[in-house]
């Protein structure tokens, strides 16, 4: 699994070997804990923006190369969070996401 990237953008990986699936899953969870990778369920009433920020900061950001980090941060913090970040996870729907996506496409097209 990729746990970080070096200063040149090359991935740093860790692996776990085991004889059984259960043993492998246990070793993988131990490895995630040691590397600071957090797993677990989110509260249904948690705002989407809070969840997205945590996902990015704790799970995704360490695995991305610097340029990808810059791109993700731009999209997340300048576009996604301001528009739909306050919507609770349990209230988010395909319609909300589709409307958001349509607005993004319209703004890109209009801005040409």
Protein backbone atom coordinates (compact mmCIF):
# COMPACT_ATOMS: atom_id res chain seq x y z
CA UNK A 1 0.00 0.00 0.00
CA UNK A 2 1.20 3.54 -0.72
CA UNK A 3 1.75 5.38 2.56
CA UNK A 4 3.51 8.55 1.40
CA UNK A 5 5.51 10.14 -1.39
CA UNK A 6 9.11 11.31 -1.27
CA UNK A 7 10.34 14.76 -2.29
CA UNK A 8 10.59 13.63 -5.95
CA UNK A 9 6.97 12.42 -5.97
CA UNK A 10 7.87 8.73 -5.94
CA UNK A 11 5.61 6.52 -3.82
CA UNK A 12 6.75 5.00 -0.55
CA UNK A 13 5.06 1.67 0.00
CA UNK A 14 4.60 -0.84 2.80
CA UNK A 15 3.42 -4.42 2.51
CA UNK A 16 2.25 -7.25 4.73
CA UNK A 17 2.56 -10.99 4.10
CA UNK A 18 0.54 -13.70 5.81
CA UNK A 19 -0.53 -17.32 5.47
CA UNK A 20 -4.28 -16.73 5.83
CA UNK A 21 -6.72 -14.02 4.80
CA UNK A 22 -7.59 -13.27 8.44
CA UNK A 23 -3.93 -12.93 9.38
CA UNK A 24 -3.33 -10.67 6.37
CA UNK A 25 -6.29 -8.43 7.27
CA UNK A 26 -5.01 -8.16 10.84
CA UNK A 27 -1.50 -7.27 9.65
CA UNK A 28 -2.91 -4.75 7.19
CA UNK A 29 -4.91 -3.05 9.95
CA UNK A 30 -1.79 -2.94 12.15
CA UNK A 31 0.16 -1.43 9.26
CA UNK A 32 -2.54 1.19 8.68
CA UNK A 33 -2.46 2.12 12.36
CA UNK A 34 1.33 2.43 12.40
CA UNK A 35 1.25 4.59 9.28
CA UNK A 36 -1.49 6.82 10.70
CA UNK A 37 -4.14 5.76 8.20
CA UNK A 38 -7.53 6.09 9.88
CA UNK A 39 -10.50 3.89 9.05
CA UNK A 40 -14.01 3.80 10.43
CA UNK A 41 -17.59 4.87 9.81
CA UNK A 42 -18.70 8.47 9.62
CA UNK A 43 -21.72 9.83 11.49
CA UNK A 44 -24.68 10.10 9.10
CA UNK A 45 -25.38 13.71 10.15
CA UNK A 46 -21.79 14.81 9.62
CA UNK A 47 -21.46 17.58 7.01
CA UNK A 48 -20.07 16.35 3.70
CA UNK A 49 -17.35 19.02 3.75
CA UNK A 50 -16.06 17.87 7.14
CA UNK A 51 -15.99 14.28 5.97
CA UNK A 52 -14.29 15.24 2.70
CA UNK A 53 -11.66 17.31 4.52
CA UNK A 54 -10.86 14.43 6.87
CA UNK A 55 -10.75 11.94 3.99
CA UNK A 56 -8.37 14.17 2.08
CA UNK A 57 -6.10 15.17 4.97
CA UNK A 58 -5.81 11.76 6.65
CA UNK A 59 -6.26 9.23 3.89
CA UNK A 60 -5.67 10.75 0.48
CA UNK A 61 -3.15 13.58 0.83
CA UNK A 62 -0.26 11.44 2.12
CA UNK A 63 -0.62 9.16 -0.89
CA UNK A 64 -0.70 11.84 -3.60
CA UNK A 65 2.18 13.45 -5.39
CA UNK A 66 2.65 17.19 -4.82
CA UNK A 67 0.95 18.27 -8.09
CA UNK A 68 -2.03 15.99 -7.41
CA UNK A 69 -2.29 17.44 -3.90
CA UNK A 70 -2.44 20.93 -5.34
CA UNK A 71 -5.18 19.93 -7.81
CA UNK A 72 -7.25 18.13 -5.18
CA UNK A 73 -6.97 21.03 -2.73
CA UNK A 74 -8.13 23.47 -5.38
CA UNK A 75 -11.18 21.38 -6.29
CA UNK A 76 -12.09 20.47 -2.71
CA UNK A 77 -11.60 23.80 -0.93
CA UNK A 78 -12.48 26.23 -3.74
CA UNK A 79 -15.36 24.40 -5.42
CA UNK A 80 -16.82 21.42 -3.56
CA UNK A 81 -16.84 22.54 0.08
CA UNK A 82 -18.25 26.04 -0.56
CA UNK A 83 -21.11 24.62 -2.66
CA UNK A 84 -22.16 21.35 -0.99
CA UNK A 85 -19.92 21.07 2.07
CA UNK A 86 -22.71 21.77 4.58
CA UNK A 87 -25.01 19.01 3.30
CA UNK A 88 -25.15 16.18 5.88
CA UNK A 89 -23.97 12.80 4.60
CA UNK A 90 -27.41 11.28 5.17
CA UNK A 91 -29.09 14.08 3.17
CA UNK A 92 -26.72 13.92 0.22
CA UNK A 93 -28.31 12.43 -2.87
CA UNK A 94 -27.63 11.72 -6.50
CA UNK A 95 -29.75 14.76 -7.41
CA UNK A 96 -27.64 17.11 -5.27
CA UNK A 97 -24.40 15.75 -6.72
CA UNK A 98 -25.73 15.85 -10.29
CA UNK A 99 -26.89 19.44 -9.89
CA UNK A 100 -23.49 20.39 -8.48
CA UNK A 101 -21.70 18.68 -11.36
CA UNK A 102 -23.96 20.38 -13.92
CA UNK A 103 -23.24 23.79 -12.35
CA UNK A 104 -19.50 23.13 -12.52
CA UNK A 105 -19.70 22.17 -16.18
CA UNK A 106 -21.85 25.23 -16.95
CA UNK A 107 -19.38 27.56 -15.24
CA UNK A 108 -16.45 26.01 -17.14
CA UNK A 109 -18.31 26.28 -20.44
CA UNK A 110 -19.47 29.85 -19.73
CA UNK A 111 -15.96 30.88 -18.69
CA UNK A 112 -14.40 29.99 -22.05
